[in-house]
Amino acid sequence: MKRPIVIGLGNPDRGDDAAGRVVAQILKSRGARGYDVVEARGEATEILALFEGRENVTLIDACVSGAPAGALHQLDMQSQRAPDKGGETSSHGTGLAEAIELARALGLLPRHCLVYAIEAASFEQGATMTPAVADATNRLVDQILARLHD
């Protein structure tokens, strides 16, 4: 079995959509030990390939649920559905929610599959992350490090 993996999803050129990848970059800079950290665009087939041989997967992505920008959501994919970016604002085409549901239907969902979703405010092309989302990425890094080192 492969090591646990943390997958930061998003498009670095679309404002708050970069949040998952920023979390992954920070985790890498802090010297991930005992788990792999990767950045991905978030296409469903890409996510499914990263699941292969993994029992423990953590995914980080931006979402739109109506909560205030920067709100953190933690979802256990064994008992909950994956968040999306609110339809038209998704930059992935078929992405995280579709990958999770496909993996579930095919019996390929990792035994431990946790999604951290950061509530986004802007997906504007060429924009930087909003301050609330940038702050949330740092809070989330601390949460993930605490969980992975338990």
N, C-alpha and C. Protein backbone atom coordinates (compact mmCIF):
# COMPACT_ATOMS: atom_id res chain seq x y z
N MET A 1 0.85 -1.18 0.00
CA MET A 1 0.00 0.00 0.00
C MET A 1 0.89 1.25 0.00
N LYS A 2 0.49 2.23 -0.79
CA LYS A 2 1.24 3.48 -0.87
C LYS A 2 1.00 4.34 0.37
N ARG A 3 1.93 5.29 0.58
CA ARG A 3 1.81 6.22 1.71
C ARG A 3 0.56 7.08 1.58
N PRO A 4 0.11 7.67 2.70
CA PRO A 4 -1.00 8.63 2.62
C PRO A 4 -0.62 9.77 1.67
N ILE A 5 -1.63 10.38 1.07
CA ILE A 5 -1.37 11.47 0.13
C ILE A 5 -2.29 12.65 0.43
N VAL A 6 -1.73 13.85 0.29
CA VAL A 6 -2.49 15.09 0.37
C VAL A 6 -2.47 15.68 -1.03
N ILE A 7 -3.66 15.97 -1.57
CA ILE A 7 -3.78 16.47 -2.94
C ILE A 7 -4.41 17.87 -2.90
N GLY A 8 -3.63 18.86 -3.30
CA GLY A 8 -4.12 20.24 -3.38
C GLY A 8 -4.63 20.50 -4.79
N LEU A 9 -5.91 20.81 -4.92
CA LEU A 9 -6.54 20.98 -6.22
C LEU A 9 -6.78 22.46 -6.54
N GLY A 10 -6.79 22.77 -7.84
CA GLY A 10 -7.17 24.11 -8.24
C GLY A 10 -6.39 24.66 -9.41
N ASN A 11 -6.79 25.83 -9.81
CA ASN A 11 -6.16 26.55 -10.91
C ASN A 11 -5.47 27.78 -10.31
N PRO A 12 -4.15 27.83 -10.36
CA PRO A 12 -3.42 28.95 -9.73
C PRO A 12 -3.66 30.30 -10.38
N ASP A 13 -4.31 30.31 -11.52
CA ASP A 13 -4.55 31.57 -12.24
C ASP A 13 -5.98 32.08 -12.10
N ARG A 14 -6.75 31.49 -11.16
CA ARG A 14 -8.16 31.89 -11.02
C ARG A 14 -8.51 32.23 -9.58
N GLY A 15 -7.85 33.22 -9.03
CA GLY A 15 -8.19 33.74 -7.71
C GLY A 15 -8.21 32.68 -6.63
N ASP A 16 -9.35 32.57 -5.94
CA ASP A 16 -9.47 31.66 -4.80
C ASP A 16 -9.38 30.19 -5.19
N ASP A 17 -9.50 29.89 -6.47
CA ASP A 17 -9.39 28.51 -6.92
C ASP A 17 -7.99 27.96 -6.65
N ALA A 18 -7.02 28.82 -6.40
CA ALA A 18 -5.65 28.39 -6.11
C ALA A 18 -5.48 27.84 -4.70
N ALA A 19 -6.48 27.98 -3.86
CA ALA A 19 -6.34 27.66 -2.43
C ALA A 19 -5.80 26.26 -2.16
N GLY A 20 -6.33 25.25 -2.80
CA GLY A 20 -5.87 23.88 -2.56
C GLY A 20 -4.41 23.69 -2.90
N ARG A 21 -4.00 24.28 -4.00
CA ARG A 21 -2.60 24.17 -4.42
C ARG A 21 -1.68 24.95 -3.48
N VAL A 22 -2.15 26.09 -2.99
CA VAL A 22 -1.35 26.87 -2.04
C VAL A 22 -1.14 26.07 -0.76
N VAL A 23 -2.17 25.41 -0.27
CA VAL A 23 -2.03 24.56 0.92
C VAL A 23 -0.98 23.48 0.65
N ALA A 24 -1.03 22.84 -0.51
CA ALA A 24 -0.05 21.81 -0.86
C ALA A 24 1.36 22.38 -0.90
N GLN A 25 1.52 23.57 -1.47
CA GLN A 25 2.85 24.19 -1.54
C GLN A 25 3.40 24.46 -0.15
N ILE A 26 2.55 24.96 0.74
CA ILE A 26 3.00 25.24 2.11
C ILE A 26 3.38 23.94 2.82
N LEU A 27 2.57 22.91 2.66
CA LEU A 27 2.89 21.62 3.28
C LEU A 27 4.23 21.09 2.77
N LYS A 28 4.45 21.20 1.46
CA LYS A 28 5.74 20.75 0.89
C LYS A 28 6.90 21.55 1.47
N SER A 29 6.72 22.86 1.62
CA SER A 29 7.80 23.71 2.13
C SER A 29 8.13 23.40 3.59
N ARG A 30 7.18 22.82 4.30
CA ARG A 30 7.42 22.46 5.70
C ARG A 30 7.98 21.05 5.85
N GLY A 31 8.28 20.41 4.72
CA GLY A 31 8.94 19.11 4.76
C GLY A 31 8.01 17.96 5.15
N ALA A 32 7.11 17.61 4.27
CA ALA A 32 6.17 16.52 4.53
C ALA A 32 6.94 15.23 4.82
N ARG A 33 6.62 14.60 5.94
CA ARG A 33 7.23 13.33 6.30
C ARG A 33 6.13 12.30 6.54
N GLY A 34 6.28 11.15 5.93
CA GLY A 34 5.31 10.09 6.14
C GLY A 34 4.11 10.14 5.23
N TYR A 35 4.04 11.13 4.36
CA TYR A 35 2.94 11.24 3.41
C TYR A 35 3.43 11.99 2.18
N ASP A 36 2.76 11.76 1.07
CA ASP A 36 3.07 12.45 -0.17
C ASP A 36 2.18 13.68 -0.30
N VAL A 37 2.69 14.72 -0.97
CA VAL A 37 1.92 15.93 -1.24
C VAL A 37 2.05 16.24 -2.72
N VAL A 38 0.90 16.40 -3.38
CA VAL A 38 0.92 16.73 -4.81
C VAL A 38 -0.06 17.87 -5.08
N GLU A 39 0.20 18.57 -6.17
CA GLU A 39 -0.72 19.58 -6.67
C GLU A 39 -1.34 19.03 -7.94
N ALA A 40 -2.62 19.33 -8.15
CA ALA A 40 -3.31 18.85 -9.34
C ALA A 40 -4.33 19.88 -9.79
N ARG A 41 -4.65 19.85 -11.05
CA ARG A 41 -5.66 20.75 -11.62
C ARG A 41 -7.05 20.40 -11.12
N GLY A 42 -7.31 19.10 -10.96
CA GLY A 42 -8.59 18.68 -10.43
C GLY A 42 -9.50 17.97 -11.40
N GLU A 43 -8.98 17.53 -12.53
CA GLU A 43 -9.79 16.74 -13.46
C GLU A 43 -10.11 15.39 -12.81
N ALA A 44 -11.29 14.88 -13.06
CA ALA A 44 -11.74 13.64 -12.43
C ALA A 44 -10.78 12.48 -12.69
N THR A 45 -10.33 12.31 -13.92
CA THR A 45 -9.44 11.19 -14.23
C THR A 45 -8.09 11.33 -13.52
N GLU A 46 -7.62 12.55 -13.38
CA GLU A 46 -6.37 12.82 -12.67
C GLU A 46 -6.51 12.44 -11.19
N ILE A 47 -7.63 12.80 -10.59
CA ILE A 47 -7.88 12.48 -9.19
C ILE A 47 -7.98 10.97 -9.00
N LEU A 48 -8.72 10.30 -9.87
CA LEU A 48 -8.84 8.84 -9.78
C LEU A 48 -7.48 8.16 -9.87
N ALA A 49 -6.61 8.64 -10.75
CA ALA A 49 -5.27 8.06 -10.87
C ALA A 49 -4.47 8.25 -9.58
N LEU A 50 -4.65 9.39 -8.93
CA LEU A 50 -3.93 9.64 -7.67
C LEU A 50 -4.46 8.78 -6.53
N PHE A 51 -5.70 8.32 -6.61
CA PHE A 51 -6.28 7.42 -5.60
C PHE A 51 -5.66 6.02 -5.67
N GLU A 52 -5.15 5.64 -6.82
CA GLU A 52 -4.71 4.26 -7.04
C GLU A 52 -3.69 3.80 -5.99
N GLY A 53 -4.03 2.70 -5.32
CA GLY A 53 -3.15 2.11 -4.33
C GLY A 53 -3.09 2.85 -3.01
N ARG A 54 -3.96 3.83 -2.81
CA ARG A 54 -3.96 4.64 -1.58
C ARG A 54 -5.11 4.22 -0.68
N GLU A 55 -4.83 4.15 0.60
CA GLU A 55 -5.87 3.87 1.58
C GLU A 55 -6.28 5.14 2.31
N ASN A 56 -5.38 6.14 2.32
CA ASN A 56 -5.61 7.37 3.07
C ASN A 56 -5.33 8.56 2.17
N VAL A 57 -6.41 9.29 1.82
CA VAL A 57 -6.31 10.43 0.91
C VAL A 57 -6.95 11.66 1.54
N THR A 58 -6.25 12.78 1.46
CA THR A 58 -6.78 14.08 1.88
C THR A 58 -6.77 14.99 0.67
N LEU A 59 -7.91 15.58 0.35
CA LEU A 59 -8.01 16.50 -0.78
C LEU A 59 -8.37 17.89 -0.27
N ILE A 60 -7.80 18.91 -0.91
CA ILE A 60 -8.10 20.29 -0.55
C ILE A 60 -8.53 21.01 -1.82
N ASP A 61 -9.67 21.71 -1.74
CA ASP A 61 -10.17 22.43 -2.91
C ASP A 61 -10.98 23.63 -2.45
N ALA A 62 -11.24 24.53 -3.36
CA ALA A 62 -12.14 25.66 -3.11
C ALA A 62 -13.56 25.19 -3.37
N CYS A 63 -14.52 25.84 -2.72
CA CYS A 63 -15.93 25.49 -2.95
C CYS A 63 -16.79 26.73 -2.84
N VAL A 64 -18.03 26.59 -3.26
CA VAL A 64 -19.03 27.64 -3.13
C VAL A 64 -20.27 26.99 -2.54
N SER A 65 -20.58 27.34 -1.28
CA SER A 65 -21.76 26.77 -0.63
C SER A 65 -22.67 27.86 -0.06
N GLY A 66 -22.21 29.10 -0.13
CA GLY A 66 -22.98 30.19 0.44
C GLY A 66 -22.46 30.65 1.79
N ALA A 67 -21.50 29.94 2.35
CA ALA A 67 -20.88 30.34 3.61
C ALA A 67 -19.95 31.54 3.35
N PRO A 68 -19.53 32.23 4.40
CA PRO A 68 -18.62 33.37 4.21
C PRO A 68 -17.28 32.92 3.61
N ALA A 69 -16.68 33.77 2.80
CA ALA A 69 -15.37 33.47 2.21
C ALA A 69 -14.38 33.14 3.30
N GLY A 70 -13.61 32.08 3.08
CA GLY A 70 -12.60 31.65 4.05
C GLY A 70 -13.10 30.61 5.02
N ALA A 71 -14.40 30.31 5.02
CA ALA A 71 -14.92 29.26 5.91
C ALA A 71 -14.31 27.93 5.50
N LEU A 72 -14.00 27.11 6.49
CA LEU A 72 -13.42 25.79 6.24
C LEU A 72 -14.48 24.72 6.44
N HIS A 73 -14.52 23.79 5.52
CA HIS A 73 -15.44 22.66 5.60
C HIS A 73 -14.61 21.39 5.62
N GLN A 74 -14.93 20.46 6.48
CA GLN A 74 -14.26 19.16 6.53
C GLN A 74 -15.32 18.09 6.27
N LEU A 75 -15.08 17.28 5.25
CA LEU A 75 -16.06 16.29 4.83
C LEU A 75 -15.42 14.91 4.73
N ASP A 76 -16.03 13.94 5.36
CA ASP A 76 -15.59 12.55 5.28
C ASP A 76 -16.33 11.91 4.12
N MET A 77 -15.62 11.50 3.09
CA MET A 77 -16.26 11.01 1.88
C MET A 77 -16.90 9.64 2.05
N GLN A 78 -16.63 8.96 3.15
CA GLN A 78 -17.33 7.69 3.40
C GLN A 78 -18.79 7.94 3.75
N SER A 79 -19.10 9.11 4.29
CA SER A 79 -20.47 9.37 4.72
C SER A 79 -21.08 10.65 4.14
N GLN A 80 -20.31 11.42 3.38
CA GLN A 80 -20.81 12.69 2.84
C GLN A 80 -20.51 12.79 1.35
N ARG A 81 -21.16 13.74 0.71
CA ARG A 81 -20.91 14.00 -0.71
C ARG A 81 -19.86 15.10 -0.84
N ALA A 82 -19.13 15.06 -1.93
CA ALA A 82 -18.08 16.05 -2.18
C ALA A 82 -18.68 17.39 -2.57
N PRO A 83 -18.02 18.48 -2.18
CA PRO A 83 -18.50 19.82 -2.57
C PRO A 83 -18.16 20.11 -4.02
N ASP A 84 -18.84 21.07 -4.60
CA ASP A 84 -18.46 21.52 -5.93
C ASP A 84 -18.26 23.03 -5.89
N LYS A 85 -17.98 23.58 -7.03
CA LYS A 85 -17.71 25.02 -7.09
C LYS A 85 -18.93 25.80 -7.54
N GLY A 86 -20.08 25.19 -7.43
CA GLY A 86 -21.30 25.92 -7.77
C GLY A 86 -21.62 25.92 -9.24
N GLY A 87 -21.34 24.82 -9.93
CA GLY A 87 -21.73 24.71 -11.34
C GLY A 87 -20.82 25.46 -12.27
N GLU A 88 -21.27 26.60 -12.76
CA GLU A 88 -20.54 27.32 -13.80
C GLU A 88 -19.18 27.83 -13.34
N THR A 89 -18.97 28.02 -12.06
CA THR A 89 -17.69 28.58 -11.61
C THR A 89 -16.58 27.55 -11.55
N SER A 90 -16.88 26.27 -11.78
CA SER A 90 -15.85 25.24 -11.75
C SER A 90 -14.88 25.44 -12.90
N SER A 91 -13.60 25.37 -12.59
CA SER A 91 -12.59 25.49 -13.64
C SER A 91 -12.10 24.12 -14.09
N HIS A 92 -12.65 23.06 -13.51
CA HIS A 92 -12.14 21.72 -13.79
C HIS A 92 -12.95 20.94 -14.81
N GLY A 93 -14.09 21.42 -15.23
CA GLY A 93 -14.96 20.60 -16.08
C GLY A 93 -15.57 19.53 -15.20
N THR A 94 -15.11 18.29 -15.36
CA THR A 94 -15.50 17.25 -14.40
C THR A 94 -14.39 17.22 -13.37
N GLY A 95 -14.74 17.33 -12.11
CA GLY A 95 -13.71 17.48 -11.11
C GLY A 95 -13.91 16.64 -9.88
N LEU A 96 -13.67 17.24 -8.73
CA LEU A 96 -13.64 16.54 -7.46
C LEU A 96 -14.93 15.79 -7.17
N ALA A 97 -16.05 16.47 -7.23
CA ALA A 97 -17.32 15.81 -6.89
C ALA A 97 -17.57 14.62 -7.81
N GLU A 98 -17.31 14.78 -9.09
CA GLU A 98 -17.52 13.69 -10.04
C GLU A 98 -16.53 12.55 -9.79
N ALA A 99 -15.28 12.87 -9.47
CA ALA A 99 -14.28 11.84 -9.20
C ALA A 99 -14.65 11.02 -7.97
N ILE A 100 -15.09 11.69 -6.92
CA ILE A 100 -15.48 11.00 -5.68
C ILE A 100 -16.65 10.06 -5.96
N GLU A 101 -17.67 10.57 -6.65
CA GLU A 101 -18.85 9.73 -6.90
C GLU A 101 -18.55 8.58 -7.85
N LEU A 102 -17.68 8.81 -8.82
CA LEU A 102 -17.28 7.73 -9.71
C LEU A 102 -16.48 6.67 -8.95
N ALA A 103 -15.53 7.12 -8.12
CA ALA A 103 -14.75 6.19 -7.31
C ALA A 103 -15.67 5.38 -6.38
N ARG A 104 -16.65 6.06 -5.81
CA ARG A 104 -17.61 5.37 -4.92
C ARG A 104 -18.38 4.30 -5.71
N ALA A 105 -18.87 4.66 -6.89
CA ALA A 105 -19.66 3.73 -7.72
C ALA A 105 -18.84 2.52 -8.18
N LEU A 106 -17.55 2.76 -8.42
CA LEU A 106 -16.67 1.69 -8.91
C LEU A 106 -15.99 0.91 -7.78
N GLY A 107 -16.26 1.29 -6.53
CA GLY A 107 -15.62 0.61 -5.40
C GLY A 107 -14.15 0.98 -5.25
N LEU A 108 -13.76 2.15 -5.75
CA LEU A 108 -12.36 2.58 -5.72
C LEU A 108 -12.09 3.71 -4.73
N LEU A 109 -13.11 4.11 -3.98
CA LEU A 109 -12.93 5.21 -3.03
C LEU A 109 -11.99 4.74 -1.92
N PRO A 110 -10.92 5.49 -1.65
CA PRO A 110 -10.00 5.10 -0.58
C PRO A 110 -10.75 4.95 0.75
N ARG A 111 -10.26 4.03 1.58
CA ARG A 111 -10.91 3.74 2.86
C ARG A 111 -11.04 4.98 3.74
N HIS A 112 -10.01 5.80 3.74
CA HIS A 112 -10.02 7.07 4.46
C HIS A 112 -9.87 8.17 3.41
N CYS A 113 -10.94 8.89 3.16
CA CYS A 113 -10.93 9.94 2.14
C CYS A 113 -11.59 11.17 2.74
N LEU A 114 -10.77 12.17 3.00
CA LEU A 114 -11.21 13.39 3.66
C LEU A 114 -11.03 14.56 2.70
N VAL A 115 -12.06 15.41 2.61
CA VAL A 115 -11.97 16.61 1.79
C VAL A 115 -12.05 17.82 2.70
N TYR A 116 -11.09 18.73 2.53
CA TYR A 116 -11.15 20.04 3.15
C TYR A 116 -11.50 21.02 2.04
N ALA A 117 -12.60 21.73 2.19
CA ALA A 117 -13.02 22.70 1.19
C ALA A 117 -12.97 24.09 1.82
N ILE A 118 -12.37 25.01 1.09
CA ILE A 118 -12.26 26.39 1.54
C ILE A 118 -13.28 27.21 0.75
N GLU A 119 -14.16 27.89 1.48
CA GLU A 119 -15.19 28.69 0.83
C GLU A 119 -14.53 29.84 0.05
N ALA A 120 -14.83 29.90 -1.23
CA ALA A 120 -14.22 30.88 -2.12
C ALA A 120 -15.16 32.05 -2.39
N ALA A 121 -14.55 33.15 -2.80
CA ALA A 121 -15.34 34.34 -3.15
C ALA A 121 -15.15 34.73 -4.61
N SER A 122 -13.98 34.44 -5.19
CA SER A 122 -13.69 34.91 -6.54
C SER A 122 -12.89 33.87 -7.32
N PHE A 123 -13.34 33.63 -8.54
CA PHE A 123 -12.62 32.73 -9.45
C PHE A 123 -12.19 33.48 -10.71
N GLU A 124 -12.01 34.78 -10.57
CA GLU A 124 -11.69 35.62 -11.72
C GLU A 124 -10.32 35.28 -12.30
N GLN A 125 -10.27 35.15 -13.62
CA GLN A 125 -9.03 34.84 -14.32
C GLN A 125 -7.98 35.91 -14.02
N GLY A 126 -6.78 35.48 -13.61
CA GLY A 126 -5.67 36.39 -13.35
C GLY A 126 -5.67 37.04 -11.97
N ALA A 127 -6.71 36.80 -11.19
CA ALA A 127 -6.80 37.42 -9.86
C ALA A 127 -5.96 36.65 -8.84
N THR A 128 -5.61 37.34 -7.76
CA THR A 128 -4.96 36.68 -6.64
C THR A 128 -6.06 36.22 -5.67
N MET A 129 -5.67 35.39 -4.71
CA MET A 129 -6.64 34.94 -3.72
C MET A 129 -7.11 36.11 -2.88
N THR A 130 -8.36 36.07 -2.47
CA THR A 130 -8.89 37.09 -1.57
C THR A 130 -8.25 36.92 -0.19
N PRO A 131 -8.16 38.00 0.59
CA PRO A 131 -7.51 37.91 1.91
C PRO A 131 -8.13 36.84 2.82
N ALA A 132 -9.44 36.70 2.81
CA ALA A 132 -10.09 35.71 3.69
C ALA A 132 -9.68 34.29 3.31
N VAL A 133 -9.55 34.02 2.03
CA VAL A 133 -9.16 32.68 1.57
C VAL A 133 -7.67 32.45 1.83
N ALA A 134 -6.85 33.45 1.62
CA ALA A 134 -5.42 33.32 1.92
C ALA A 134 -5.21 33.01 3.40
N ASP A 135 -5.95 33.68 4.27
CA ASP A 135 -5.88 33.41 5.70
C ASP A 135 -6.33 31.98 6.01
N ALA A 136 -7.38 31.53 5.34
CA ALA A 136 -7.89 30.17 5.56
C ALA A 136 -6.88 29.11 5.16
N THR A 137 -6.09 29.37 4.12
CA THR A 137 -5.08 28.37 3.72
C THR A 137 -4.09 28.13 4.85
N ASN A 138 -3.68 29.18 5.53
CA ASN A 138 -2.74 29.02 6.65
C ASN A 138 -3.36 28.28 7.82
N ARG A 139 -4.62 28.59 8.13
CA ARG A 139 -5.31 27.87 9.21
C ARG A 139 -5.45 26.39 8.87
N LEU A 140 -5.74 26.13 7.61
CA LEU A 140 -5.93 24.74 7.20
C LEU A 140 -4.63 23.95 7.23
N VAL A 141 -3.53 24.57 6.85
CA VAL A 141 -2.23 23.89 6.93
C VAL A 141 -1.99 23.41 8.35
N ASP A 142 -2.23 24.26 9.34
CA ASP A 142 -2.04 23.87 10.74
C ASP A 142 -2.93 22.69 11.11
N GLN A 143 -4.19 22.71 10.66
CA GLN A 143 -5.11 21.60 10.97
C GLN A 143 -4.63 20.29 10.35
N ILE A 144 -4.19 20.37 9.09
CA ILE A 144 -3.75 19.15 8.41
C ILE A 144 -2.49 18.61 9.06
N LEU A 145 -1.55 19.48 9.38
CA LEU A 145 -0.31 19.02 10.03
C LEU A 145 -0.61 18.36 11.37
N ALA A 146 -1.51 18.93 12.14
CA ALA A 146 -1.88 18.34 13.43
C ALA A 146 -2.50 16.96 13.23
N ARG A 147 -3.37 16.83 12.23
CA ARG A 147 -4.02 15.53 11.98
C ARG A 147 -3.03 14.50 11.49
N LEU A 148 -2.14 14.87 10.59
CA LEU A 148 -1.19 13.91 10.00
C LEU A 148 -0.12 13.49 10.98
N HIS A 149 0.13 14.29 11.97
CA HIS A 149 1.19 13.95 12.94
C HIS A 149 0.64 13.35 14.21
N ASP A 150 -0.68 13.10 14.26
CA ASP A 150 -1.27 12.44 15.43
C ASP A 150 -0.90 10.98 15.47
